[in-house]
Amino acid sequence: RLVLPREQEAVLLGAATIGAVASGQKPSLLEAMVTMNTAADVILPATGEIQKFHEHKHWIFHQMHADQLRYRVWMKMSSSR
């Protein structure tokens, strides 16, 4: 689940939220977040075929990473000869 902020300048609002706690205007970060931030949209995870596609794509990514690690070992072995 991804919650998008209503505020376009969310990074600045995050800094202001921390500042409110640091200055003592808010008692805790959780309290500051609840009172100073609002959600715009919530994006839910995909399901069905789209989910299967991305799961497969993620599996391929891990395979490519494992391959790359093997290639590094092979290249180190070949350069040490």
PDB file of N, CA and C in Angstrom:
ATOM      1  N   ARG A   1       0.852  -1.169   0.000  1.00  0.00           N
ATOM      2  CA  ARG A   1       0.000   0.000   0.000  1.00  0.00           C
ATOM      3  C   ARG A   1       0.894   1.226   0.000  1.00  0.00           C
ATOM      4  N   LEU A   2       0.615   2.152  -0.899  1.00  0.00           N
ATOM      5  CA  LEU A   2       1.382   3.385  -1.022  1.00  0.00           C
ATOM      6  C   LEU A   2       0.441   4.556  -0.788  1.00  0.00           C
ATOM      7  N   VAL A   3       0.764   5.380   0.192  1.00  0.00           N
ATOM      8  CA  VAL A   3      -0.068   6.540   0.516  1.00  0.00           C
ATOM      9  C   VAL A   3       0.631   7.780  -0.019  1.00  0.00           C
ATOM     10  N   LEU A   4      -0.015   8.463  -0.944  1.00  0.00           N
ATOM     11  CA  LEU A   4       0.547   9.682  -1.518  1.00  0.00           C
ATOM     12  C   LEU A   4       0.132  10.881  -0.681  1.00  0.00           C
ATOM     13  N   PRO A   5       1.059  11.797  -0.428  1.00  0.00           N
ATOM     14  CA  PRO A   5       0.718  12.963   0.390  1.00  0.00           C
ATOM     15  C   PRO A   5      -0.092  13.981  -0.401  1.00  0.00           C
ATOM     16  N   ARG A   6      -0.938  14.725   0.298  1.00  0.00           N
ATOM     17  CA  ARG A   6      -1.699  15.796  -0.336  1.00  0.00           C
ATOM     18  C   ARG A   6      -0.771  16.972  -0.673  1.00  0.00           C
ATOM     19  N   GLU A   7       0.195  17.204   0.185  1.00  0.00           N
ATOM     20  CA  GLU A   7       1.134  18.313   0.013  1.00  0.00           C
ATOM     21  C   GLU A   7       2.118  18.017  -1.114  1.00  0.00           C
ATOM     22  N   GLN A   8       2.226  18.937  -2.080  1.00  0.00           N
ATOM     23  CA  GLN A   8       3.159  18.740  -3.187  1.00  0.00           C
ATOM     24  C   GLN A   8       4.610  18.834  -2.718  1.00  0.00           C
ATOM     25  N   GLU A   9       4.855  19.644  -1.715  1.00  0.00           N
ATOM     26  CA  GLU A   9       6.207  19.799  -1.166  1.00  0.00           C
ATOM     27  C   GLU A   9       6.345  18.942   0.096  1.00  0.00           C
ATOM     28  N   ALA A  10       6.185  17.639  -0.072  1.00  0.00           N
ATOM     29  CA  ALA A  10       6.165  16.717   1.065  1.00  0.00           C
ATOM     30  C   ALA A  10       7.491  16.694   1.824  1.00  0.00           C
ATOM     31  N   VAL A  11       8.603  16.878   1.135  1.00  0.00           N
ATOM     32  CA  VAL A  11       9.900  16.873   1.812  1.00  0.00           C
ATOM     33  C   VAL A  11      10.007  18.073   2.747  1.00  0.00           C
ATOM     34  N   LEU A  12       9.556  19.228   2.281  1.00  0.00           N
ATOM     35  CA  LEU A  12       9.570  20.422   3.132  1.00  0.00           C
ATOM     36  C   LEU A  12       8.645  20.241   4.328  1.00  0.00           C
ATOM     37  N   LEU A  13       7.487  19.646   4.097  1.00  0.00           N
ATOM     38  CA  LEU A  13       6.557  19.404   5.198  1.00  0.00           C
ATOM     39  C   LEU A  13       7.158  18.422   6.204  1.00  0.00           C
ATOM     40  N   GLY A  14       7.894  17.444   5.713  1.00  0.00           N
ATOM     41  CA  GLY A  14       8.568  16.511   6.613  1.00  0.00           C
ATOM     42  C   GLY A  14       9.576  17.225   7.500  1.00  0.00           C
ATOM     43  N   ALA A  15      10.322  18.155   6.912  1.00  0.00           N
ATOM     44  CA  ALA A  15      11.282  18.934   7.703  1.00  0.00           C
ATOM     45  C   ALA A  15      10.558  19.789   8.733  1.00  0.00           C
ATOM     46  N   ALA A  16       9.442  20.385   8.329  1.00  0.00           N
ATOM     47  CA  ALA A  16       8.658  21.202   9.263  1.00  0.00           C
ATOM     48  C   ALA A  16       8.082  20.345  10.386  1.00  0.00           C
ATOM     49  N   THR A  17       7.696  19.128  10.068  1.00  0.00           N
ATOM     50  CA  THR A  17       7.164  18.204  11.066  1.00  0.00           C
ATOM     51  C   THR A  17       8.227  17.896  12.122  1.00  0.00           C
ATOM     52  N   ILE A  18       9.432  17.608  11.662  1.00  0.00           N
ATOM     53  CA  ILE A  18      10.531  17.344  12.595  1.00  0.00           C
ATOM     54  C   ILE A  18      10.855  18.597  13.402  1.00  0.00           C
ATOM     55  N   GLY A  19      10.816  19.754  12.733  1.00  0.00           N
ATOM     56  CA  GLY A  19      11.069  21.016  13.428  1.00  0.00           C
ATOM     57  C   GLY A  19      10.048  21.297  14.512  1.00  0.00           C
ATOM     58  N   ALA A  20       8.799  20.946  14.260  1.00  0.00           N
ATOM     59  CA  ALA A  20       7.745  21.166  15.256  1.00  0.00           C
ATOM     60  C   ALA A  20       8.004  20.352  16.519  1.00  0.00           C
ATOM     61  N   VAL A  21       8.538  19.150  16.354  1.00  0.00           N
ATOM     62  CA  VAL A  21       8.870  18.319  17.514  1.00  0.00           C
ATOM     63  C   VAL A  21      10.116  18.870  18.207  1.00  0.00           C
ATOM     64  N   ALA A  22      11.117  19.236  17.414  1.00  0.00           N
ATOM     65  CA  ALA A  22      12.366  19.750  17.992  1.00  0.00           C
ATOM     66  C   ALA A  22      12.144  21.035  18.785  1.00  0.00           C
ATOM     67  N   SER A  23      11.210  21.866  18.319  1.00  0.00           N
ATOM     68  CA  SER A  23      10.953  23.140  19.001  1.00  0.00           C
ATOM     69  C   SER A  23      10.007  22.995  20.190  1.00  0.00           C
ATOM     70  N   GLY A  24       9.426  21.814  20.345  1.00  0.00           N
ATOM     71  CA  GLY A  24       8.506  21.583  21.448  1.00  0.00           C
ATOM     72  C   GLY A  24       7.062  21.943  21.138  1.00  0.00           C
ATOM     73  N   GLN A  25       6.777  22.345  19.898  1.00  0.00           N
ATOM     74  CA  GLN A  25       5.397  22.683  19.532  1.00  0.00           C
ATOM     75  C   GLN A  25       4.515  21.440  19.447  1.00  0.00           C
ATOM     76  N   LYS A  26       5.126  20.315  19.157  1.00  0.00           N
ATOM     77  CA  LYS A  26       4.412  19.029  19.126  1.00  0.00           C
ATOM     78  C   LYS A  26       5.132  18.076  20.071  1.00  0.00           C
ATOM     79  N   PRO A  27       4.393  17.262  20.824  1.00  0.00           N
ATOM     80  CA  PRO A  27       5.029  16.399  21.832  1.00  0.00           C
ATOM     81  C   PRO A  27       5.787  15.200  21.263  1.00  0.00           C
ATOM     82  N   SER A  28       5.401  14.753  20.084  1.00  0.00           N
ATOM     83  CA  SER A  28       6.065  13.576  19.505  1.00  0.00           C
ATOM     84  C   SER A  28       5.993  13.648  17.989  1.00  0.00           C
ATOM     85  N   LEU A  29       6.853  12.881  17.353  1.00  0.00           N
ATOM     86  CA  LEU A  29       6.845  12.844  15.897  1.00  0.00           C
ATOM     87  C   LEU A  29       5.532  12.270  15.378  1.00  0.00           C
ATOM     88  N   LEU A  30       5.017  11.255  16.045  1.00  0.00           N
ATOM     89  CA  LEU A  30       3.741  10.671  15.626  1.00  0.00           C
ATOM     90  C   LEU A  30       2.619  11.700  15.706  1.00  0.00           C
ATOM     91  N   GLU A  31       2.564  12.448  16.794  1.00  0.00           N
ATOM     92  CA  GLU A  31       1.541  13.490  16.944  1.00  0.00           C
ATOM     93  C   GLU A  31       1.689  14.551  15.853  1.00  0.00           C
ATOM     94  N   ALA A  32       2.911  14.952  15.575  1.00  0.00           N
ATOM     95  CA  ALA A  32       3.146  15.953  14.535  1.00  0.00           C
ATOM     96  C   ALA A  32       2.722  15.427  13.168  1.00  0.00           C
ATOM     97  N   MET A  33       3.038  14.182  12.885  1.00  0.00           N
ATOM     98  CA  MET A  33       2.674  13.594  11.598  1.00  0.00           C
ATOM     99  C   MET A  33       1.159  13.532  11.431  1.00  0.00           C
ATOM    100  N   VAL A  34       0.478  13.127  12.479  1.00  0.00           N
ATOM    101  CA  VAL A  34      -0.981  12.991  12.415  1.00  0.00           C
ATOM    102  C   VAL A  34      -1.653  14.342  12.204  1.00  0.00           C
ATOM    103  N   THR A  35      -1.161  15.364  12.874  1.00  0.00           N
ATOM    104  CA  THR A  35      -1.828  16.669  12.814  1.00  0.00           C
ATOM    105  C   THR A  35      -1.377  17.540  11.653  1.00  0.00           C
ATOM    106  N   MET A  36      -0.186  17.299  11.122  1.00  0.00           N
ATOM    107  CA  MET A  36       0.340  18.186  10.080  1.00  0.00           C
ATOM    108  C   MET A  36       0.266  17.598   8.674  1.00  0.00           C
ATOM    109  N   ASN A  37       0.068  16.312   8.540  1.00  0.00           N
ATOM    110  CA  ASN A  37       0.092  15.650   7.231  1.00  0.00           C
ATOM    111  C   ASN A  37      -1.272  15.059   6.896  1.00  0.00           C
ATOM    112  N   THR A  38      -1.629  15.103   5.624  1.00  0.00           N
ATOM    113  CA  THR A  38      -2.863  14.460   5.163  1.00  0.00           C
ATOM    114  C   THR A  38      -2.574  13.645   3.907  1.00  0.00           C
ATOM    115  N   ALA A  39      -3.317  12.583   3.744  1.00  0.00           N
ATOM    116  CA  ALA A  39      -3.146  11.712   2.587  1.00  0.00           C
ATOM    117  C   ALA A  39      -4.031  12.182   1.444  1.00  0.00           C
ATOM    118  N   ALA A  40      -3.526  12.020   0.236  1.00  0.00           N
ATOM    119  CA  ALA A  40      -4.310  12.345  -0.958  1.00  0.00           C
ATOM    120  C   ALA A  40      -4.905  11.061  -1.531  1.00  0.00           C
ATOM    121  N   ASP A  41      -4.061  10.222  -2.076  1.00  0.00           N
ATOM    122  CA  ASP A  41      -4.506   8.977  -2.703  1.00  0.00           C
ATOM    123  C   ASP A  41      -3.787   7.793  -2.076  1.00  0.00           C
ATOM    124  N   VAL A  42      -4.439   6.651  -2.142  1.00  0.00           N
ATOM    125  CA  VAL A  42      -3.836   5.403  -1.687  1.00  0.00           C
ATOM    126  C   VAL A  42      -3.783   4.470  -2.886  1.00  0.00           C
ATOM    127  N   ILE A  43      -2.594   3.957  -3.161  1.00  0.00           N
ATOM    128  CA  ILE A  43      -2.418   3.037  -4.277  1.00  0.00           C
ATOM    129  C   ILE A  43      -2.232   1.638  -3.695  1.00  0.00           C
ATOM    130  N   LEU A  44      -3.085   0.728  -4.094  1.00  0.00           N
ATOM    131  CA  LEU A  44      -3.031  -0.650  -3.598  1.00  0.00           C
ATOM    132  C   LEU A  44      -2.214  -1.515  -4.550  1.00  0.00           C
ATOM    133  N   PRO A  45      -1.621  -2.583  -4.055  1.00  0.00           N
ATOM    134  CA  PRO A  45      -0.836  -3.464  -4.921  1.00  0.00           C
ATOM    135  C   PRO A  45      -1.695  -4.056  -6.034  1.00  0.00           C
ATOM    136  N   ALA A  46      -1.052  -4.265  -7.168  1.00  0.00           N
ATOM    137  CA  ALA A  46      -1.733  -4.892  -8.296  1.00  0.00           C
ATOM    138  C   ALA A  46      -2.013  -6.359  -7.974  1.00  0.00           C
ATOM    139  N   THR A  47      -3.007  -6.904  -8.628  1.00  0.00           N
ATOM    140  CA  THR A  47      -3.357  -8.311  -8.447  1.00  0.00           C
ATOM    141  C   THR A  47      -3.454  -8.981  -9.812  1.00  0.00           C
ATOM    142  N   GLY A  48      -3.690 -10.259  -9.813  1.00  0.00           N
ATOM    143  CA  GLY A  48      -3.928 -10.995 -11.050  1.00  0.00           C
ATOM    144  C   GLY A  48      -2.709 -11.052 -11.953  1.00  0.00           C
ATOM    145  N   GLU A  49      -2.927 -10.841 -13.238  1.00  0.00           N
ATOM    146  CA  GLU A  49      -1.869 -10.959 -14.242  1.00  0.00           C
ATOM    147  C   GLU A  49      -0.767  -9.924 -14.041  1.00  0.00           C
ATOM    148  N   ILE A  50      -1.135  -8.724 -13.642  1.00  0.00           N
ATOM    149  CA  ILE A  50      -0.126  -7.679 -13.415  1.00  0.00           C
ATOM    150  C   ILE A  50       0.788  -8.088 -12.267  1.00  0.00           C
ATOM    151  N   GLN A  51       0.221  -8.632 -11.213  1.00  0.00           N
ATOM    152  CA  GLN A  51       1.024  -9.094 -10.080  1.00  0.00           C
ATOM    153  C   GLN A  51       1.964 -10.213 -10.518  1.00  0.00           C
ATOM    154  N   LYS A  52       1.453 -11.165 -11.288  1.00  0.00           N
ATOM    155  CA  LYS A  52       2.281 -12.275 -11.765  1.00  0.00           C
ATOM    156  C   LYS A  52       3.436 -11.760 -12.618  1.00  0.00           C
ATOM    157  N   PHE A  53       3.141 -10.788 -13.484  1.00  0.00           N
ATOM    158  CA  PHE A  53       4.174 -10.203 -14.343  1.00  0.00           C
ATOM    159  C   PHE A  53       5.302  -9.623 -13.500  1.00  0.00           C
ATOM    160  N   HIS A  54       4.952  -8.829 -12.489  1.00  0.00           N
ATOM    161  CA  HIS A  54       5.970  -8.177 -11.669  1.00  0.00           C
ATOM    162  C   HIS A  54       6.710  -9.166 -10.771  1.00  0.00           C
ATOM    163  N   GLU A  55       6.043 -10.203 -10.327  1.00  0.00           N
ATOM    164  CA  GLU A  55       6.730 -11.244  -9.557  1.00  0.00           C
ATOM    165  C   GLU A  55       7.774 -11.940 -10.420  1.00  0.00           C
ATOM    166  N   HIS A  56       7.405 -12.224 -11.665  1.00  0.00           N
ATOM    167  CA  HIS A  56       8.346 -12.862 -12.584  1.00  0.00           C
ATOM    168  C   HIS A  56       9.511 -11.914 -12.882  1.00  0.00           C
ATOM    169  N   LYS A  57       9.198 -10.658 -13.108  1.00  0.00           N
ATOM    170  CA  LYS A  57      10.233  -9.661 -13.383  1.00  0.00           C
ATOM    171  C   LYS A  57      11.197  -9.549 -12.199  1.00  0.00           C
ATOM    172  N   HIS A  58      10.686  -9.612 -10.991  1.00  0.00           N
ATOM    173  CA  HIS A  58      11.519  -9.553  -9.787  1.00  0.00           C
ATOM    174  C   HIS A  58      12.415 -10.786  -9.704  1.00  0.00           C
ATOM    175  N   TRP A  59      11.883 -11.942 -10.021  1.00  0.00           N
ATOM    176  CA  TRP A  59      12.670 -13.171 -10.035  1.00  0.00           C
ATOM    177  C   TRP A  59      13.820 -13.050 -11.036  1.00  0.00           C
ATOM    178  N   ILE A  60      13.519 -12.505 -12.224  1.00  0.00           N
ATOM    179  CA  ILE A  60      14.553 -12.316 -13.246  1.00  0.00           C
ATOM    180  C   ILE A  60      15.638 -11.369 -12.740  1.00  0.00           C
ATOM    181  N   PHE A  61      15.247 -10.309 -12.062  1.00  0.00           N
ATOM    182  CA  PHE A  61      16.214  -9.377 -11.487  1.00  0.00           C
ATOM    183  C   PHE A  61      17.182 -10.115 -10.562  1.00  0.00           C
ATOM    184  N   HIS A  62      16.656 -10.975  -9.692  1.00  0.00           N
ATOM    185  CA  HIS A  62      17.520 -11.721  -8.775  1.00  0.00           C
ATOM    186  C   HIS A  62      18.445 -12.671  -9.535  1.00  0.00           C
ATOM    187  N   GLN A  63      17.940 -13.274 -10.591  1.00  0.00           N
ATOM    188  CA  GLN A  63      18.781 -14.154 -11.399  1.00  0.00           C
ATOM    189  C   GLN A  63      19.910 -13.366 -12.057  1.00  0.00           C
ATOM    190  N   MET A  64      19.587 -12.186 -12.588  1.00  0.00           N
ATOM    191  CA  MET A  64      20.604 -11.342 -13.221  1.00  0.00           C
ATOM    192  C   MET A  64      21.664 -10.910 -12.207  1.00  0.00           C
ATOM    193  N   HIS A  65      21.238 -10.602 -11.002  1.00  0.00           N
ATOM    194  CA  HIS A  65      22.188 -10.204  -9.962  1.00  0.00           C
ATOM    195  C   HIS A  65      23.120 -11.365  -9.621  1.00  0.00           C
ATOM    196  N   ALA A  66      22.565 -12.546  -9.464  1.00  0.00           N
ATOM    197  CA  ALA A  66      23.389 -13.723  -9.172  1.00  0.00           C
ATOM    198  C   ALA A  66      24.373 -13.987 -10.311  1.00  0.00           C
ATOM    199  N   ASP A  67      23.908 -13.843 -11.551  1.00  0.00           N
ATOM    200  CA  ASP A  67      24.794 -14.012 -12.709  1.00  0.00           C
ATOM    201  C   ASP A  67      25.946 -13.013 -12.655  1.00  0.00           C
ATOM    202  N   GLN A  68      25.640 -11.757 -12.367  1.00  0.00           N
ATOM    203  CA  GLN A  68      26.665 -10.717 -12.319  1.00  0.00           C
ATOM    204  C   GLN A  68      27.723 -11.032 -11.262  1.00  0.00           C
ATOM    205  N   LEU A  69      27.294 -11.539 -10.117  1.00  0.00           N
ATOM    206  CA  LEU A  69      28.257 -11.902  -9.076  1.00  0.00           C
ATOM    207  C   LEU A  69      29.176 -13.025  -9.550  1.00  0.00           C
ATOM    208  N   ARG A  70      28.622 -13.986 -10.274  1.00  0.00           N
ATOM    209  CA  ARG A  70      29.449 -15.066 -10.833  1.00  0.00           C
ATOM    210  C   ARG A  70      30.432 -14.512 -11.853  1.00  0.00           C
ATOM    211  N   TYR A  71      29.982 -13.586 -12.698  1.00  0.00           N
ATOM    212  CA  TYR A  71      30.865 -13.000 -13.713  1.00  0.00           C
ATOM    213  C   TYR A  71      32.052 -12.288 -13.058  1.00  0.00           C
ATOM    214  N   ARG A  72      31.808 -11.608 -11.961  1.00  0.00           N
ATOM    215  CA  ARG A  72      32.900 -10.917 -11.257  1.00  0.00           C
ATOM    216  C   ARG A  72      33.950 -11.917 -10.779  1.00  0.00           C
ATOM    217  N   VAL A  73      33.477 -13.025 -10.226  1.00  0.00           N
ATOM    218  CA  VAL A  73      34.415 -14.055  -9.757  1.00  0.00           C
ATOM    219  C   VAL A  73      35.226 -14.579 -10.929  1.00  0.00           C
ATOM    220  N   TRP A  74      34.575 -14.878 -12.040  1.00  0.00           N
ATOM    221  CA  TRP A  74      35.270 -15.398 -13.216  1.00  0.00           C
ATOM    222  C   TRP A  74      36.306 -14.403 -13.731  1.00  0.00           C
ATOM    223  N   MET A  75      35.953 -13.124 -13.740  1.00  0.00           N
ATOM    224  CA  MET A  75      36.882 -12.115 -14.236  1.00  0.00           C
ATOM    225  C   MET A  75      38.078 -11.966 -13.296  1.00  0.00           C
ATOM    226  N   LYS A  76      37.853 -12.061 -11.999  1.00  0.00           N
ATOM    227  CA  LYS A  76      38.977 -12.008 -11.054  1.00  0.00           C
ATOM    228  C   LYS A  76      39.901 -13.200 -11.268  1.00  0.00           C
ATOM    229  N   MET A  77      39.293 -14.363 -11.510  1.00  0.00           N
ATOM    230  CA  MET A  77      40.092 -15.569 -11.733  1.00  0.00           C
ATOM    231  C   MET A  77      40.916 -15.437 -13.009  1.00  0.00           C
ATOM    232  N   SER A  78      40.340 -14.871 -14.051  1.00  0.00           N
ATOM    233  CA  SER A  78      41.061 -14.765 -15.320  1.00  0.00           C
ATOM    234  C   SER A  78      42.154 -13.703 -15.254  1.00  0.00           C
ATOM    235  N   SER A  79      41.973 -12.661 -14.459  1.00  0.00           N
ATOM    236  CA  SER A  79      42.990 -11.607 -14.384  1.00  0.00           C
ATOM    237  C   SER A  79      44.128 -11.975 -13.444  1.00  0.00           C
ATOM    238  N   SER A  80      43.945 -12.999 -12.621  1.00  0.00           N
ATOM    239  CA  SER A  80      44.998 -13.400 -11.686  1.00  0.00           C
ATOM    240  C   SER A  80      45.933 -14.441 -12.288  1.00  0.00           C
ATOM    241  N   ARG A  81      45.663 -14.848 -13.502  1.00  0.00           N
ATOM    242  CA  ARG A  81      46.499 -15.875 -14.148  1.00  0.00           C
ATOM    243  C   ARG A  81      47.703 -15.258 -14.799  1.00  0.00           C
TER     244      ARG A  81
END
